[in-house]
Amino acid sequence: AVQIGIDPVHFGIILILNLMLGLLTPP
């Protein structure tokens, strides 16, 4: 992410929201 110019703070929000969706999906 850093190599392609994404701020680590921005990437953190994207990553966490991504993983939150996993809390709503099986298994």
PDB file of all heavy atoms in Angstrom:
ATOM      1  N   ALA A   1       0.825  -1.207   0.000  1.00  0.00           N
ATOM      2  CA  ALA A   1       0.000   0.000   0.000  1.00  0.00           C
ATOM      3  C   ALA A   1       0.860   1.259   0.000  1.00  0.00           C
ATOM      4  O   ALA A   1       0.606   2.209  -0.759  1.00  0.00           O
ATOM      5  CB  ALA A   1      -0.925  -0.008   1.217  1.00  0.00           C
ATOM      6  N   VAL A   2       1.882   1.268   0.837  1.00  0.00           N
ATOM      7  CA  VAL A   2       2.777   2.431   0.911  1.00  0.00           C
ATOM      8  C   VAL A   2       3.515   2.619  -0.411  1.00  0.00           C
ATOM      9  O   VAL A   2       3.702   3.748  -0.885  1.00  0.00           O
ATOM     10  CB  VAL A   2       3.779   2.260   2.072  1.00  0.00           C
ATOM     11  CG1 VAL A   2       4.832   3.369   2.036  1.00  0.00           C
ATOM     12  CG2 VAL A   2       3.049   2.277   3.414  1.00  0.00           C
ATOM     13  N   GLN A   3       3.910   1.514  -1.043  1.00  0.00           N
ATOM     14  CA  GLN A   3       4.657   1.571  -2.301  1.00  0.00           C
ATOM     15  C   GLN A   3       3.845   2.205  -3.428  1.00  0.00           C
ATOM     16  O   GLN A   3       4.399   2.881  -4.292  1.00  0.00           O
ATOM     17  CB  GLN A   3       5.110   0.171  -2.710  1.00  0.00           C
ATOM     18  CG  GLN A   3       6.095   0.160  -3.878  1.00  0.00           C
ATOM     19  CD  GLN A   3       6.726  -1.211  -4.080  1.00  0.00           C
ATOM     20  OE1 GLN A   3       6.796  -2.021  -3.160  1.00  0.00           O
ATOM     21  NE2 GLN A   3       7.188  -1.488  -5.296  1.00  0.00           N
ATOM     22  N   ILE A   4       2.515   2.019  -3.398  1.00  0.00           N
ATOM     23  CA  ILE A   4       1.679   2.608  -4.450  1.00  0.00           C
ATOM     24  C   ILE A   4       1.070   3.944  -4.008  1.00  0.00           C
ATOM     25  O   ILE A   4       0.187   4.481  -4.661  1.00  0.00           O
ATOM     26  CB  ILE A   4       0.563   1.639  -4.902  1.00  0.00           C
ATOM     27  CG1 ILE A   4      -0.394   1.304  -3.741  1.00  0.00           C
ATOM     28  CG2 ILE A   4       1.141   0.384  -5.500  1.00  0.00           C
ATOM     29  CD1 ILE A   4      -1.591   0.468  -4.166  1.00  0.00           C
ATOM     30  N   GLY A   5       1.559   4.460  -2.860  1.00  0.00           N
ATOM     31  CA  GLY A   5       1.181   5.813  -2.454  1.00  0.00           C
ATOM     32  C   GLY A   5      -0.038   5.933  -1.566  1.00  0.00           C
ATOM     33  O   GLY A   5      -0.657   7.006  -1.509  1.00  0.00           O
ATOM     34  N   ILE A   6      -0.402   4.880  -0.848  1.00  0.00           N
ATOM     35  CA  ILE A   6      -1.548   4.931   0.066  1.00  0.00           C
ATOM     36  C   ILE A   6      -1.052   5.248   1.469  1.00  0.00           C
ATOM     37  O   ILE A   6      -0.121   4.616   1.966  1.00  0.00           O
ATOM     38  CB  ILE A   6      -2.318   3.593   0.075  1.00  0.00           C
ATOM     39  CG1 ILE A   6      -2.829   3.284  -1.333  1.00  0.00           C
ATOM     40  CG2 ILE A   6      -3.488   3.642   1.051  1.00  0.00           C
ATOM     41  CD1 ILE A   6      -3.479   1.925  -1.455  1.00  0.00           C
ATOM     42  N   ASP A   7      -1.673   6.229   2.104  1.00  0.00           N
ATOM     43  CA  ASP A   7      -1.297   6.607   3.461  1.00  0.00           C
ATOM     44  C   ASP A   7      -1.610   5.456   4.420  1.00  0.00           C
ATOM     45  O   ASP A   7      -2.688   4.851   4.337  1.00  0.00           O
ATOM     46  CB  ASP A   7      -2.080   7.856   3.887  1.00  0.00           C
ATOM     47  CG  ASP A   7      -1.563   8.461   5.172  1.00  0.00           C
ATOM     48  OD1 ASP A   7      -1.853   7.877   6.239  1.00  0.00           O
ATOM     49  OD2 ASP A   7      -0.877   9.484   5.117  1.00  0.00           O
ATOM     50  N   PRO A   8      -0.711   5.117   5.360  1.00  0.00           N
ATOM     51  CA  PRO A   8      -0.960   4.020   6.303  1.00  0.00           C
ATOM     52  C   PRO A   8      -2.223   4.215   7.134  1.00  0.00           C
ATOM     53  O   PRO A   8      -2.890   3.236   7.494  1.00  0.00           O
ATOM     54  CB  PRO A   8       0.287   4.039   7.201  1.00  0.00           C
ATOM     55  CG  PRO A   8       1.354   4.634   6.352  1.00  0.00           C
ATOM     56  CD  PRO A   8       0.660   5.648   5.491  1.00  0.00           C
ATOM     57  N   VAL A   9      -2.560   5.476   7.445  1.00  0.00           N
ATOM     58  CA  VAL A   9      -3.785   5.748   8.219  1.00  0.00           C
ATOM     59  C   VAL A   9      -5.011   5.408   7.378  1.00  0.00           C
ATOM     60  O   VAL A   9      -5.946   4.745   7.849  1.00  0.00           O
ATOM     61  CB  VAL A   9      -3.827   7.222   8.674  1.00  0.00           C
ATOM     62  CG1 VAL A   9      -5.174   7.554   9.327  1.00  0.00           C
ATOM     63  CG2 VAL A   9      -2.691   7.513   9.653  1.00  0.00           C
ATOM     64  N   HIS A  10      -5.018   5.842   6.140  1.00  0.00           N
ATOM     65  CA  HIS A  10      -6.129   5.539   5.234  1.00  0.00           C
ATOM     66  C   HIS A  10      -6.254   4.032   5.019  1.00  0.00           C
ATOM     67  O   HIS A  10      -7.351   3.471   5.053  1.00  0.00           O
ATOM     68  CB  HIS A  10      -5.897   6.258   3.897  1.00  0.00           C
ATOM     69  CG  HIS A  10      -6.918   5.965   2.854  1.00  0.00           C
ATOM     70  ND1 HIS A  10      -6.600   5.752   1.533  1.00  0.00           N
ATOM     71  CD2 HIS A  10      -8.262   5.814   2.939  1.00  0.00           C
ATOM     72  CE1 HIS A  10      -7.688   5.503   0.850  1.00  0.00           C
ATOM     73  NE2 HIS A  10      -8.721   5.526   1.670  1.00  0.00           N
ATOM     74  N   PHE A  11      -5.120   3.385   4.824  1.00  0.00           N
ATOM     75  CA  PHE A  11      -5.130   1.940   4.608  1.00  0.00           C
ATOM     76  C   PHE A  11      -5.683   1.213   5.836  1.00  0.00           C
ATOM     77  O   PHE A  11      -6.381   0.201   5.703  1.00  0.00           O
ATOM     78  CB  PHE A  11      -3.714   1.440   4.296  1.00  0.00           C
ATOM     79  CG  PHE A  11      -3.641  -0.034   4.020  1.00  0.00           C
ATOM     80  CD1 PHE A  11      -4.117  -0.555   2.835  1.00  0.00           C
ATOM     81  CD2 PHE A  11      -3.118  -0.914   4.961  1.00  0.00           C
ATOM     82  CE1 PHE A  11      -4.068  -1.919   2.573  1.00  0.00           C
ATOM     83  CE2 PHE A  11      -3.063  -2.272   4.717  1.00  0.00           C
ATOM     84  CZ  PHE A  11      -3.539  -2.787   3.517  1.00  0.00           C
ATOM     85  N   GLY A  12      -5.365   1.723   7.019  1.00  0.00           N
ATOM     86  CA  GLY A  12      -5.866   1.098   8.249  1.00  0.00           C
ATOM     87  C   GLY A  12      -7.382   1.104   8.318  1.00  0.00           C
ATOM     88  O   GLY A  12      -7.999   0.102   8.704  1.00  0.00           O
ATOM     89  N   ILE A  13      -7.999   2.216   7.943  1.00  0.00           N
ATOM     90  CA  ILE A  13      -9.470   2.295   7.965  1.00  0.00           C
ATOM     91  C   ILE A  13     -10.072   1.324   6.955  1.00  0.00           C
ATOM     92  O   ILE A  13     -11.051   0.618   7.244  1.00  0.00           O
ATOM     93  CB  ILE A  13      -9.937   3.739   7.668  1.00  0.00           C
ATOM     94  CG1 ILE A  13      -9.367   4.714   8.690  1.00  0.00           C
ATOM     95  CG2 ILE A  13     -11.467   3.810   7.665  1.00  0.00           C
ATOM     96  CD1 ILE A  13      -9.759   4.422  10.122  1.00  0.00           C
ATOM     97  N   ILE A  14      -9.483   1.267   5.767  1.00  0.00           N
ATOM     98  CA  ILE A  14      -9.968   0.335   4.736  1.00  0.00           C
ATOM     99  C   ILE A  14      -9.862  -1.108   5.238  1.00  0.00           C
ATOM    100  O   ILE A  14     -10.802  -1.901   5.101  1.00  0.00           O
ATOM    101  CB  ILE A  14      -9.155   0.492   3.431  1.00  0.00           C
ATOM    102  CG1 ILE A  14      -9.340   1.876   2.843  1.00  0.00           C
ATOM    103  CG2 ILE A  14      -9.568  -0.565   2.413  1.00  0.00           C
ATOM    104  CD1 ILE A  14      -8.423   2.160   1.659  1.00  0.00           C
ATOM    105  N   LEU A  15      -8.717  -1.441   5.815  1.00  0.00           N
ATOM    106  CA  LEU A  15      -8.477  -2.808   6.288  1.00  0.00           C
ATOM    107  C   LEU A  15      -9.465  -3.202   7.381  1.00  0.00           C
ATOM    108  O   LEU A  15     -10.063  -4.285   7.329  1.00  0.00           O
ATOM    109  CB  LEU A  15      -7.040  -2.930   6.806  1.00  0.00           C
ATOM    110  CG  LEU A  15      -6.639  -4.307   7.364  1.00  0.00           C
ATOM    111  CD1 LEU A  15      -6.596  -5.339   6.240  1.00  0.00           C
ATOM    112  CD2 LEU A  15      -5.286  -4.234   8.063  1.00  0.00           C
ATOM    113  N   ILE A  16      -9.668  -2.322   8.353  1.00  0.00           N
ATOM    114  CA  ILE A  16     -10.551  -2.646   9.488  1.00  0.00           C
ATOM    115  C   ILE A  16     -11.993  -2.789   9.019  1.00  0.00           C
ATOM    116  O   ILE A  16     -12.702  -3.719   9.428  1.00  0.00           O
ATOM    117  CB  ILE A  16     -10.447  -1.582  10.595  1.00  0.00           C
ATOM    118  CG1 ILE A  16      -9.017  -1.477  11.110  1.00  0.00           C
ATOM    119  CG2 ILE A  16     -11.403  -1.917  11.744  1.00  0.00           C
ATOM    120  CD1 ILE A  16      -8.400  -2.776  11.558  1.00  0.00           C
ATOM    121  N   LEU A  17     -12.462  -1.873   8.161  1.00  0.00           N
ATOM    122  CA  LEU A  17     -13.835  -1.982   7.661  1.00  0.00           C
ATOM    123  C   LEU A  17     -14.004  -3.272   6.862  1.00  0.00           C
ATOM    124  O   LEU A  17     -15.034  -3.954   6.974  1.00  0.00           O
ATOM    125  CB  LEU A  17     -14.188  -0.765   6.802  1.00  0.00           C
ATOM    126  CG  LEU A  17     -15.606  -0.753   6.186  1.00  0.00           C
ATOM    127  CD1 LEU A  17     -16.663  -1.040   7.241  1.00  0.00           C
ATOM    128  CD2 LEU A  17     -15.881   0.567   5.489  1.00  0.00           C
ATOM    129  N   ASN A  18     -13.003  -3.619   6.067  1.00  0.00           N
ATOM    130  CA  ASN A  18     -13.012  -4.892   5.343  1.00  0.00           C
ATOM    131  C   ASN A  18     -13.233  -6.062   6.288  1.00  0.00           C
ATOM    132  O   ASN A  18     -14.083  -6.934   6.067  1.00  0.00           O
ATOM    133  CB  ASN A  18     -11.656  -5.083   4.644  1.00  0.00           C
ATOM    134  CG  ASN A  18     -11.758  -4.927   3.136  1.00  0.00           C
ATOM    135  OD1 ASN A  18     -12.513  -5.631   2.490  1.00  0.00           O
ATOM    136  ND2 ASN A  18     -11.011  -3.991   2.600  1.00  0.00           N
ATOM    137  N   LEU A  19     -12.443  -6.090   7.357  1.00  0.00           N
ATOM    138  CA  LEU A  19     -12.506  -7.204   8.295  1.00  0.00           C
ATOM    139  C   LEU A  19     -13.795  -7.189   9.112  1.00  0.00           C
ATOM    140  O   LEU A  19     -14.258  -8.242   9.560  1.00  0.00           O
ATOM    141  CB  LEU A  19     -11.292  -7.164   9.230  1.00  0.00           C
ATOM    142  CG  LEU A  19      -9.941  -7.406   8.533  1.00  0.00           C
ATOM    143  CD1 LEU A  19      -8.795  -7.231   9.515  1.00  0.00           C
ATOM    144  CD2 LEU A  19      -9.900  -8.798   7.902  1.00  0.00           C
ATOM    145  N   MET A  20     -14.387  -6.011   9.309  1.00  0.00           N
ATOM    146  CA  MET A  20     -15.669  -5.945  10.019  1.00  0.00           C
ATOM    147  C   MET A  20     -16.769  -6.657   9.228  1.00  0.00           C
ATOM    148  O   MET A  20     -17.676  -7.259   9.809  1.00  0.00           O
ATOM    149  CB  MET A  20     -16.073  -4.480  10.259  1.00  0.00           C
ATOM    150  CG  MET A  20     -15.273  -3.775  11.336  1.00  0.00           C
ATOM    151  SD  MET A  20     -15.212  -4.679  12.898  1.00  0.00           S
ATOM    152  CE  MET A  20     -13.610  -5.459  12.807  1.00  0.00           C
ATOM    153  N   LEU A  21     -16.676  -6.593   7.921  1.00  0.00           N
ATOM    154  CA  LEU A  21     -17.657  -7.306   7.094  1.00  0.00           C
ATOM    155  C   LEU A  21     -17.536  -8.808   7.296  1.00  0.00           C
ATOM    156  O   LEU A  21     -18.516  -9.543   7.166  1.00  0.00           O
ATOM    157  CB  LEU A  21     -17.461  -6.952   5.614  1.00  0.00           C
ATOM    158  CG  LEU A  21     -17.659  -5.483   5.245  1.00  0.00           C
ATOM    159  CD1 LEU A  21     -17.467  -5.275   3.748  1.00  0.00           C
ATOM    160  CD2 LEU A  21     -19.028  -4.990   5.672  1.00  0.00           C
ATOM    161  N   GLY A  22     -16.323  -9.260   7.634  1.00  0.00           N
ATOM    162  CA  GLY A  22     -16.127 -10.678   7.925  1.00  0.00           C
ATOM    163  C   GLY A  22     -16.876 -11.135   9.161  1.00  0.00           C
ATOM    164  O   GLY A  22     -17.192 -12.323   9.300  1.00  0.00           O
ATOM    165  N   LEU A  23     -17.173 -10.185  10.070  1.00  0.00           N
ATOM    166  CA  LEU A  23     -17.950 -10.535  11.260  1.00  0.00           C
ATOM    167  C   LEU A  23     -19.405 -10.844  10.926  1.00  0.00           C
ATOM    168  O   LEU A  23     -20.139 -11.369  11.756  1.00  0.00           O
ATOM    169  CB  LEU A  23     -17.901  -9.379  12.278  1.00  0.00           C
ATOM    170  CG  LEU A  23     -16.530  -9.055  12.876  1.00  0.00           C
ATOM    171  CD1 LEU A  23     -16.633  -7.819  13.772  1.00  0.00           C
ATOM    172  CD2 LEU A  23     -15.998 -10.246  13.678  1.00  0.00           C
ATOM    173  N   LEU A  24     -19.812 -10.490   9.704  1.00  0.00           N
ATOM    174  CA  LEU A  24     -21.201 -10.694   9.283  1.00  0.00           C
ATOM    175  C   LEU A  24     -21.346 -11.834   8.295  1.00  0.00           C
ATOM    176  O   LEU A  24     -22.418 -12.030   7.715  1.00  0.00           O
ATOM    177  CB  LEU A  24     -21.746  -9.408   8.637  1.00  0.00           C
ATOM    178  CG  LEU A  24     -21.616  -8.119   9.446  1.00  0.00           C
ATOM    179  CD1 LEU A  24     -22.220  -6.953   8.677  1.00  0.00           C
ATOM    180  CD2 LEU A  24     -22.296  -8.249  10.805  1.00  0.00           C
ATOM    181  N   THR A  25     -20.260 -12.577   8.078  1.00  0.00           N
ATOM    182  CA  THR A  25     -20.294 -13.647   7.085  1.00  0.00           C
ATOM    183  C   THR A  25     -19.805 -14.960   7.688  1.00  0.00           C
ATOM    184  O   THR A  25     -18.907 -14.955   8.527  1.00  0.00           O
ATOM    185  CB  THR A  25     -19.402 -13.294   5.877  1.00  0.00           C
ATOM    186  OG1 THR A  25     -18.083 -12.981   6.340  1.00  0.00           O
ATOM    187  CG2 THR A  25     -19.956 -12.104   5.116  1.00  0.00           C
ATOM    188  N   PRO A  26     -20.393 -16.079   7.290  1.00  0.00           N
ATOM    189  CA  PRO A  26     -19.903 -17.386   7.758  1.00  0.00           C
ATOM    190  C   PRO A  26     -18.572 -17.710   7.077  1.00  0.00           C
ATOM    191  O   PRO A  26     -18.244 -17.085   6.059  1.00  0.00           O
ATOM    192  CB  PRO A  26     -21.023 -18.339   7.304  1.00  0.00           C
ATOM    193  CG  PRO A  26     -21.642 -17.651   6.116  1.00  0.00           C
ATOM    194  CD  PRO A  26     -21.540 -16.173   6.394  1.00  0.00           C
ATOM    195  N   PRO A  27     -17.776 -18.620   7.607  1.00  0.00           N
ATOM    196  CA  PRO A  27     -18.087 -19.468   8.763  1.00  0.00           C
ATOM    197  C   PRO A  27     -17.726 -18.870  10.119  1.00  0.00           C
ATOM    198  O   PRO A  27     -18.189 -19.344  11.136  1.00  0.00           O
ATOM    199  CB  PRO A  27     -17.227 -20.712   8.503  1.00  0.00           C
ATOM    200  CG  PRO A  27     -16.041 -20.175   7.773  1.00  0.00           C
ATOM    201  CD  PRO A  27     -16.543 -19.059   6.914  1.00  0.00           C
TER     202      PRO A  27
END
